[in-house]
PDB file of N, CA and C in Angstrom:
ATOM      1  N   MET A   1       0.821  -1.189   0.000  1.00  0.00           N
ATOM      2  CA  MET A   1       0.000   0.000   0.000  1.00  0.00           C
ATOM      3  C   MET A   1       0.870   1.261   0.000  1.00  0.00           C
ATOM      4  N   ASP A   2       2.156   1.115   0.337  1.00  0.00           N
ATOM      5  CA  ASP A   2       3.032   2.280   0.300  1.00  0.00           C
ATOM      6  C   ASP A   2       3.226   2.789  -1.118  1.00  0.00           C
ATOM      7  N   LYS A   3       3.135   1.905  -2.114  1.00  0.00           N
ATOM      8  CA  LYS A   3       3.273   2.339  -3.499  1.00  0.00           C
ATOM      9  C   LYS A   3       2.139   3.271  -3.902  1.00  0.00           C
ATOM     10  N   LEU A   4       0.981   3.106  -3.241  1.00  0.00           N
ATOM     11  CA  LEU A   4      -0.169   3.969  -3.516  1.00  0.00           C
ATOM     12  C   LEU A   4      -0.133   5.241  -2.675  1.00  0.00           C
ATOM     13  N   GLY A   5       0.812   5.331  -1.740  1.00  0.00           N
ATOM     14  CA  GLY A   5       0.907   6.505  -0.878  1.00  0.00           C
ATOM     15  C   GLY A   5       0.006   6.427   0.332  1.00  0.00           C
ATOM     16  N   ILE A   6      -0.409   5.209   0.715  1.00  0.00           N
ATOM     17  CA  ILE A   6      -1.297   5.027   1.853  1.00  0.00           C
ATOM     18  C   ILE A   6      -0.508   4.358   2.973  1.00  0.00           C
ATOM     19  N   ASN A   7      -0.498   4.993   4.132  1.00  0.00           N
ATOM     20  CA  ASN A   7       0.166   4.438   5.292  1.00  0.00           C
ATOM     21  C   ASN A   7      -0.848   3.587   6.065  1.00  0.00           C
ATOM     22  N   ILE A   8      -0.555   2.320   6.239  1.00  0.00           N
ATOM     23  CA  ILE A   8      -1.486   1.392   6.887  1.00  0.00           C
ATOM     24  C   ILE A   8      -1.752   1.788   8.334  1.00  0.00           C
ATOM     25  N   ALA A   9      -0.735   2.223   9.053  1.00  0.00           N
ATOM     26  CA  ALA A   9      -0.904   2.590  10.458  1.00  0.00           C
ATOM     27  C   ALA A   9      -1.844   3.785  10.593  1.00  0.00           C
ATOM     28  N   LEU A  10      -1.652   4.786   9.784  1.00  0.00           N
ATOM     29  CA  LEU A  10      -2.527   5.960   9.849  1.00  0.00           C
ATOM     30  C   LEU A  10      -3.939   5.652   9.374  1.00  0.00           C
ATOM     31  N   LEU A  11      -4.058   4.812   8.380  1.00  0.00           N
ATOM     32  CA  LEU A  11      -5.384   4.420   7.899  1.00  0.00           C
ATOM     33  C   LEU A  11      -6.150   3.664   8.978  1.00  0.00           C
ATOM     34  N   SER A  12      -5.486   2.730   9.656  1.00  0.00           N
ATOM     35  CA  SER A  12      -6.159   1.975  10.708  1.00  0.00           C
ATOM     36  C   SER A  12      -6.520   2.873  11.880  1.00  0.00           C
ATOM     37  N   LEU A  13      -5.678   3.851  12.195  1.00  0.00           N
ATOM     38  CA  LEU A  13      -5.990   4.789  13.269  1.00  0.00           C
ATOM     39  C   LEU A  13      -7.194   5.656  12.899  1.00  0.00           C
ATOM     40  N   GLN A  14      -7.260   6.101  11.663  1.00  0.00           N
ATOM     41  CA  GLN A  14      -8.405   6.895  11.231  1.00  0.00           C
ATOM     42  C   GLN A  14      -9.690   6.074  11.226  1.00  0.00           C
ATOM     43  N   LEU A  15      -9.612   4.816  10.847  1.00  0.00           N
ATOM     44  CA  LEU A  15     -10.791   3.943  10.895  1.00  0.00           C
ATOM     45  C   LEU A  15     -11.250   3.716  12.337  1.00  0.00           C
ATOM     46  N   PHE A  16     -10.288   3.618  13.253  1.00  0.00           N
ATOM     47  CA  PHE A  16     -10.620   3.462  14.673  1.00  0.00           C
ATOM     48  C   PHE A  16     -11.345   4.703  15.192  1.00  0.00           C
ATOM     49  N   TYR A  17     -10.841   5.893  14.835  1.00  0.00           N
ATOM     50  CA  TYR A  17     -11.502   7.127  15.259  1.00  0.00           C
ATOM     51  C   TYR A  17     -12.890   7.252  14.648  1.00  0.00           C
ATOM     52  N   LEU A  18     -13.053   6.817  13.419  1.00  0.00           N
ATOM     53  CA  LEU A  18     -14.362   6.839  12.790  1.00  0.00           C
ATOM     54  C   LEU A  18     -15.322   5.890  13.514  1.00  0.00           C
ATOM     55  N   LEU A  19     -14.831   4.732  13.910  1.00  0.00           N
ATOM     56  CA  LEU A  19     -15.652   3.783  14.658  1.00  0.00           C
ATOM     57  C   LEU A  19     -16.067   4.369  16.003  1.00  0.00           C
ATOM     58  N   LEU A  20     -15.145   5.050  16.691  1.00  0.00           N
ATOM     59  CA  LEU A  20     -15.489   5.702  17.961  1.00  0.00           C
ATOM     60  C   LEU A  20     -16.560   6.770  17.757  1.00  0.00           C
ATOM     61  N   LEU A  21     -16.463   7.523  16.684  1.00  0.00           N
ATOM     62  CA  LEU A  21     -17.461   8.549  16.391  1.00  0.00           C
ATOM     63  C   LEU A  21     -18.831   7.923  16.144  1.00  0.00           C
ATOM     64  N   VAL A  22     -18.872   6.846  15.389  1.00  0.00           N
ATOM     65  CA  VAL A  22     -20.141   6.172  15.106  1.00  0.00           C
ATOM     66  C   VAL A  22     -20.740   5.595  16.388  1.00  0.00           C
ATOM     67  N   ILE A  23     -19.913   4.991  17.227  1.00  0.00           N
ATOM     68  CA  ILE A  23     -20.393   4.447  18.503  1.00  0.00           C
ATOM     69  C   ILE A  23     -20.954   5.562  19.364  1.00  0.00           C
ATOM     70  N   TRP A  24     -20.255   6.713  19.415  1.00  0.00           N
ATOM     71  CA  TRP A  24     -20.720   7.826  20.232  1.00  0.00           C
ATOM     72  C   TRP A  24     -22.057   8.348  19.739  1.00  0.00           C
ATOM     73  N   VAL A  25     -22.224   8.487  18.439  1.00  0.00           N
ATOM     74  CA  VAL A  25     -23.479   9.008  17.894  1.00  0.00           C
ATOM     75  C   VAL A  25     -24.633   8.053  18.201  1.00  0.00           C
ATOM     76  N   ILE A  26     -24.397   6.764  18.068  1.00  0.00           N
ATOM     77  CA  ILE A  26     -25.447   5.782  18.369  1.00  0.00           C
ATOM     78  C   ILE A  26     -25.814   5.822  19.846  1.00  0.00           C
ATOM     79  N   LEU A  27     -24.803   5.847  20.724  1.00  0.00           N
ATOM     80  CA  LEU A  27     -25.075   5.925  22.165  1.00  0.00           C
ATOM     81  C   LEU A  27     -25.770   7.234  22.522  1.00  0.00           C
ATOM     82  N   LEU A  28     -25.360   8.327  21.901  1.00  0.00           N
ATOM     83  CA  LEU A  28     -25.950   9.630  22.198  1.00  0.00           C
ATOM     84  C   LEU A  28     -27.427   9.661  21.837  1.00  0.00           C
ATOM     85  N   PHE A  29     -27.766   9.233  20.624  1.00  0.00           N
ATOM     86  CA  PHE A  29     -29.172   9.244  20.230  1.00  0.00           C
ATOM     87  C   PHE A  29     -30.003   8.277  21.065  1.00  0.00           C
ATOM     88  N   SER A  30     -29.423   7.143  21.419  1.00  0.00           N
ATOM     89  CA  SER A  30     -30.137   6.196  22.267  1.00  0.00           C
ATOM     90  C   SER A  30     -30.387   6.779  23.654  1.00  0.00           C
ATOM     91  N   ALA A  31     -29.380   7.421  24.226  1.00  0.00           N
ATOM     92  CA  ALA A  31     -29.528   8.019  25.558  1.00  0.00           C
ATOM     93  C   ALA A  31     -30.513   9.180  25.538  1.00  0.00           C
ATOM     94  N   LEU A  32     -30.431  10.038  24.530  1.00  0.00           N
ATOM     95  CA  LEU A  32     -31.350  11.175  24.468  1.00  0.00           C
ATOM     96  C   LEU A  32     -32.782  10.728  24.205  1.00  0.00           C
ATOM     97  N   HIS A  33     -32.949   9.678  23.412  1.00  0.00           N
ATOM     98  CA  HIS A  33     -34.296   9.155  23.179  1.00  0.00           C
ATOM     99  C   HIS A  33     -34.876   8.572  24.468  1.00  0.00           C
ATOM    100  N   ARG A  34     -34.059   7.847  25.199  1.00  0.00           N
ATOM    101  CA  ARG A  34     -34.523   7.266  26.452  1.00  0.00           C
ATOM    102  C   ARG A  34     -34.726   8.338  27.523  1.00  0.00           C
ATOM    103  N   LEU A  35     -33.978   9.431  27.436  1.00  0.00           N
ATOM    104  CA  LEU A  35     -34.121  10.527  28.395  1.00  0.00           C
ATOM    105  C   LEU A  35     -35.495  11.174  28.287  1.00  0.00           C
ATOM    106  N   ARG A  36     -36.047  11.191  27.079  1.00  0.00           N
ATOM    107  CA  ARG A  36     -37.375  11.779  26.894  1.00  0.00           C
ATOM    108  C   ARG A  36     -38.446  11.039  27.679  1.00  0.00           C
ATOM    109  N   GLY A  37     -38.264   9.742  27.885  1.00  0.00           N
ATOM    110  CA  GLY A  37     -39.285   8.951  28.557  1.00  0.00           C
ATOM    111  C   GLY A  37     -39.091   8.796  30.053  1.00  0.00           C
ATOM    112  N   THR A  38     -38.070   9.408  30.611  1.00  0.00           N
ATOM    113  CA  THR A  38     -37.831   9.264  32.049  1.00  0.00           C
ATOM    114  C   THR A  38     -38.582  10.322  32.833  1.00  0.00           C
ATOM    115  N   GLU A  39     -38.826  10.015  34.082  1.00  0.00           N
ATOM    116  CA  GLU A  39     -39.521  10.951  34.957  1.00  0.00           C
ATOM    117  C   GLU A  39     -38.484  11.707  35.776  1.00  0.00           C
ATOM    118  N   LEU A  40     -37.882  12.715  35.168  1.00  0.00           N
ATOM    119  CA  LEU A  40     -36.891  13.552  35.820  1.00  0.00           C
ATOM    120  C   LEU A  40     -37.352  14.996  35.764  1.00  0.00           C
ATOM    121  N   THR A  41     -36.811  15.812  36.670  1.00  0.00           N
ATOM    122  CA  THR A  41     -37.117  17.244  36.607  1.00  0.00           C
ATOM    123  C   THR A  41     -36.379  17.849  35.421  1.00  0.00           C
ATOM    124  N   GLU A  42     -36.753  19.050  35.059  1.00  0.00           N
ATOM    125  CA  GLU A  42     -36.120  19.720  33.921  1.00  0.00           C
ATOM    126  C   GLU A  42     -34.638  19.967  34.191  1.00  0.00           C
ATOM    127  N   LEU A  43     -34.289  20.280  35.438  1.00  0.00           N
ATOM    128  CA  LEU A  43     -32.889  20.497  35.787  1.00  0.00           C
ATOM    129  C   LEU A  43     -32.087  19.206  35.625  1.00  0.00           C
ATOM    130  N   GLU A  44     -32.634  18.097  36.098  1.00  0.00           N
ATOM    131  CA  GLU A  44     -31.940  16.814  35.960  1.00  0.00           C
ATOM    132  C   GLU A  44     -31.778  16.422  34.490  1.00  0.00           C
ATOM    133  N   ARG A  45     -32.810  16.641  33.704  1.00  0.00           N
ATOM    134  CA  ARG A  45     -32.709  16.347  32.267  1.00  0.00           C
ATOM    135  C   ARG A  45     -31.657  17.218  31.595  1.00  0.00           C
ATOM    136  N   GLY A  46     -31.647  18.491  31.934  1.00  0.00           N
ATOM    137  CA  GLY A  46     -30.654  19.394  31.370  1.00  0.00           C
ATOM    138  C   GLY A  46     -29.240  18.982  31.737  1.00  0.00           C
ATOM    139  N   LEU A  47     -29.045  18.570  32.983  1.00  0.00           N
ATOM    140  CA  LEU A  47     -27.720  18.116  33.407  1.00  0.00           C
ATOM    141  C   LEU A  47     -27.309  16.847  32.675  1.00  0.00           C
ATOM    142  N   TRP A  48     -28.249  15.916  32.474  1.00  0.00           N
ATOM    143  CA  TRP A  48     -27.917  14.693  31.744  1.00  0.00           C
ATOM    144  C   TRP A  48     -27.579  14.999  30.293  1.00  0.00           C
ATOM    145  N   VAL A  49     -28.273  15.946  29.683  1.00  0.00           N
ATOM    146  CA  VAL A  49     -27.959  16.322  28.298  1.00  0.00           C
ATOM    147  C   VAL A  49     -26.547  16.889  28.227  1.00  0.00           C
ATOM    148  N   ILE A  50     -26.205  17.759  29.177  1.00  0.00           N
ATOM    149  CA  ILE A  50     -24.860  18.338  29.191  1.00  0.00           C
ATOM    150  C   ILE A  50     -23.804  17.262  29.402  1.00  0.00           C
ATOM    151  N   VAL A  51     -24.061  16.334  30.324  1.00  0.00           N
ATOM    152  CA  VAL A  51     -23.092  15.262  30.594  1.00  0.00           C
ATOM    153  C   VAL A  51     -22.906  14.374  29.367  1.00  0.00           C
ATOM    154  N   THR A  52     -23.998  14.021  28.701  1.00  0.00           N
ATOM    155  CA  THR A  52     -23.866  13.140  27.536  1.00  0.00           C
ATOM    156  C   THR A  52     -23.183  13.829  26.364  1.00  0.00           C
ATOM    157  N   LEU A  53     -23.296  15.157  26.280  1.00  0.00           N
ATOM    158  CA  LEU A  53     -22.625  15.865  25.196  1.00  0.00           C
ATOM    159  C   LEU A  53     -21.156  16.158  25.507  1.00  0.00           C
ATOM    160  N   LEU A  54     -20.840  16.452  26.763  1.00  0.00           N
ATOM    161  CA  LEU A  54     -19.473  16.825  27.119  1.00  0.00           C
ATOM    162  C   LEU A  54     -18.560  15.627  27.350  1.00  0.00           C
ATOM    163  N   LEU A  55     -19.109  14.535  27.835  1.00  0.00           N
ATOM    164  CA  LEU A  55     -18.322  13.313  28.034  1.00  0.00           C
ATOM    165  C   LEU A  55     -18.792  12.298  27.002  1.00  0.00           C
ATOM    166  N   PRO A  56     -18.211  12.323  25.825  1.00  0.00           N
ATOM    167  CA  PRO A  56     -18.798  11.649  24.675  1.00  0.00           C
ATOM    168  C   PRO A  56     -19.302  10.223  24.904  1.00  0.00           C
ATOM    169  N   ILE A  57     -18.467   9.270  25.121  1.00  0.00           N
ATOM    170  CA  ILE A  57     -18.946   7.898  25.241  1.00  0.00           C
ATOM    171  C   ILE A  57     -19.308   7.573  26.679  1.00  0.00           C
ATOM    172  N   ILE A  58     -18.543   8.084  27.622  1.00  0.00           N
ATOM    173  CA  ILE A  58     -18.764   7.778  29.032  1.00  0.00           C
ATOM    174  C   ILE A  58     -20.098   8.338  29.525  1.00  0.00           C
ATOM    175  N   GLY A  59     -20.449   9.557  29.118  1.00  0.00           N
ATOM    176  CA  GLY A  59     -21.692  10.166  29.562  1.00  0.00           C
ATOM    177  C   GLY A  59     -22.922   9.415  29.089  1.00  0.00           C
ATOM    178  N   ALA A  60     -22.947   9.069  27.809  1.00  0.00           N
ATOM    179  CA  ALA A  60     -24.104   8.348  27.264  1.00  0.00           C
ATOM    180  C   ALA A  60     -24.189   6.936  27.830  1.00  0.00           C
ATOM    181  N   ALA A  61     -23.047   6.258  27.950  1.00  0.00           N
ATOM    182  CA  ALA A  61     -23.058   4.899  28.499  1.00  0.00           C
ATOM    183  C   ALA A  61     -23.477   4.909  29.962  1.00  0.00           C
ATOM    184  N   THR A  62     -23.049   5.921  30.711  1.00  0.00           N
ATOM    185  CA  THR A  62     -23.439   6.022  32.122  1.00  0.00           C
ATOM    186  C   THR A  62     -24.929   6.233  32.257  1.00  0.00           C
ATOM    187  N   PHE A  63     -25.508   7.105  31.426  1.00  0.00           N
ATOM    188  CA  PHE A  63     -26.948   7.317  31.496  1.00  0.00           C
ATOM    189  C   PHE A  63     -27.706   6.034  31.180  1.00  0.00           C
ATOM    190  N   LEU A  64     -27.277   5.332  30.136  1.00  0.00           N
ATOM    191  CA  LEU A  64     -27.967   4.098  29.766  1.00  0.00           C
ATOM    192  C   LEU A  64     -27.823   3.036  30.845  1.00  0.00           C
ATOM    193  N   TYR A  65     -26.712   3.045  31.559  1.00  0.00           N
ATOM    194  CA  TYR A  65     -26.503   2.073  32.632  1.00  0.00           C
ATOM    195  C   TYR A  65     -27.336   2.430  33.866  1.00  0.00           C
ATOM    196  N   LEU A  66     -27.401   3.707  34.217  1.00  0.00           N
ATOM    197  CA  LEU A  66     -28.114   4.123  35.424  1.00  0.00           C
ATOM    198  C   LEU A  66     -29.622   4.188  35.243  1.00  0.00           C
ATOM    199  N   HIS A  67     -30.075   4.356  34.008  1.00  0.00           N
ATOM    200  CA  HIS A  67     -31.511   4.429  33.738  1.00  0.00           C
ATOM    201  C   HIS A  67     -31.901   3.344  32.740  1.00  0.00           C
ATOM    202  N   PRO A  68     -31.973   2.107  33.196  1.00  0.00           N
ATOM    203  CA  PRO A  68     -32.327   1.034  32.259  1.00  0.00           C
ATOM    204  C   PRO A  68     -33.771   1.193  31.793  1.00  0.00           C
ATOM    205  N   ARG A  69     -34.047   0.596  30.657  1.00  0.00           N
ATOM    206  CA  ARG A  69     -35.389   0.677  30.078  1.00  0.00           C
ATOM    207  C   ARG A  69     -36.375  -0.038  31.003  1.00  0.00           C
ATOM    208  N   VAL A  70     -37.452   0.645  31.321  1.00  0.00           N
ATOM    209  CA  VAL A  70     -38.476   0.085  32.193  1.00  0.00           C
ATOM    210  C   VAL A  70     -39.525  -0.595  31.324  1.00  0.00           C
ATOM    211  N   GLN A  71     -39.819  -1.835  31.649  1.00  0.00           N
ATOM    212  CA  GLN A  71     -40.842  -2.559  30.900  1.00  0.00           C
ATOM    213  C   GLN A  71     -42.214  -2.009  31.267  1.00  0.00           C
ATOM    214  N   LYS A  72     -43.003  -1.720  30.263  1.00  0.00           N
ATOM    215  CA  LYS A  72     -44.352  -1.219  30.514  1.00  0.00           C
ATOM    216  C   LYS A  72     -45.240  -2.376  30.930  1.00  0.00           C
ATOM    217  N   SER A  73     -46.022  -2.149  31.958  1.00  0.00           N
ATOM    218  CA  SER A  73     -46.914  -3.203  32.438  1.00  0.00           C
ATOM    219  C   SER A  73     -48.092  -3.355  31.487  1.00  0.00           C
ATOM    220  N   ALA A  74     -48.631  -4.546  31.452  1.00  0.00           N
ATOM    221  CA  ALA A  74     -49.788  -4.805  30.590  1.00  0.00           C
ATOM    222  C   ALA A  74     -51.001  -4.085  31.155  1.00  0.00           C
ATOM    223  N   ARG A  75     -51.776  -3.536  30.255  1.00  0.00           N
ATOM    224  CA  ARG A  75     -52.981  -2.811  30.696  1.00  0.00           C
ATOM    225  C   ARG A  75     -54.051  -3.827  31.087  1.00  0.00           C
ATOM    226  N   SER A  76     -54.712  -3.527  32.186  1.00  0.00           N
ATOM    227  CA  SER A  76     -55.825  -4.392  32.614  1.00  0.00           C
ATOM    228  C   SER A  76     -57.131  -3.705  32.274  1.00  0.00           C
ATOM    229  N   PHE A  77     -58.063  -4.454  31.761  1.00  0.00           N
ATOM    230  CA  PHE A  77     -59.356  -3.904  31.373  1.00  0.00           C
ATOM    231  C   PHE A  77     -60.380  -4.206  32.396  1.00  0.00           C
TER     232      PHE A  77
END
């Protein structure tokens, strides 16, 4: 690949960074979508939004870990 002017080490590093970006975007949208359905005050929601945006992967993963999806109970008639 050196004949083509492509450095394998730099290419693999760039692919790794791209993968991290994709993982962060998926976690971010998942966390923000789940945040809409939680019963938190506006201040708590605002703080979680700031944390998930400022701490890219750790913030979103922490929110998803601390606020697991709650199963909706079956409606009784």
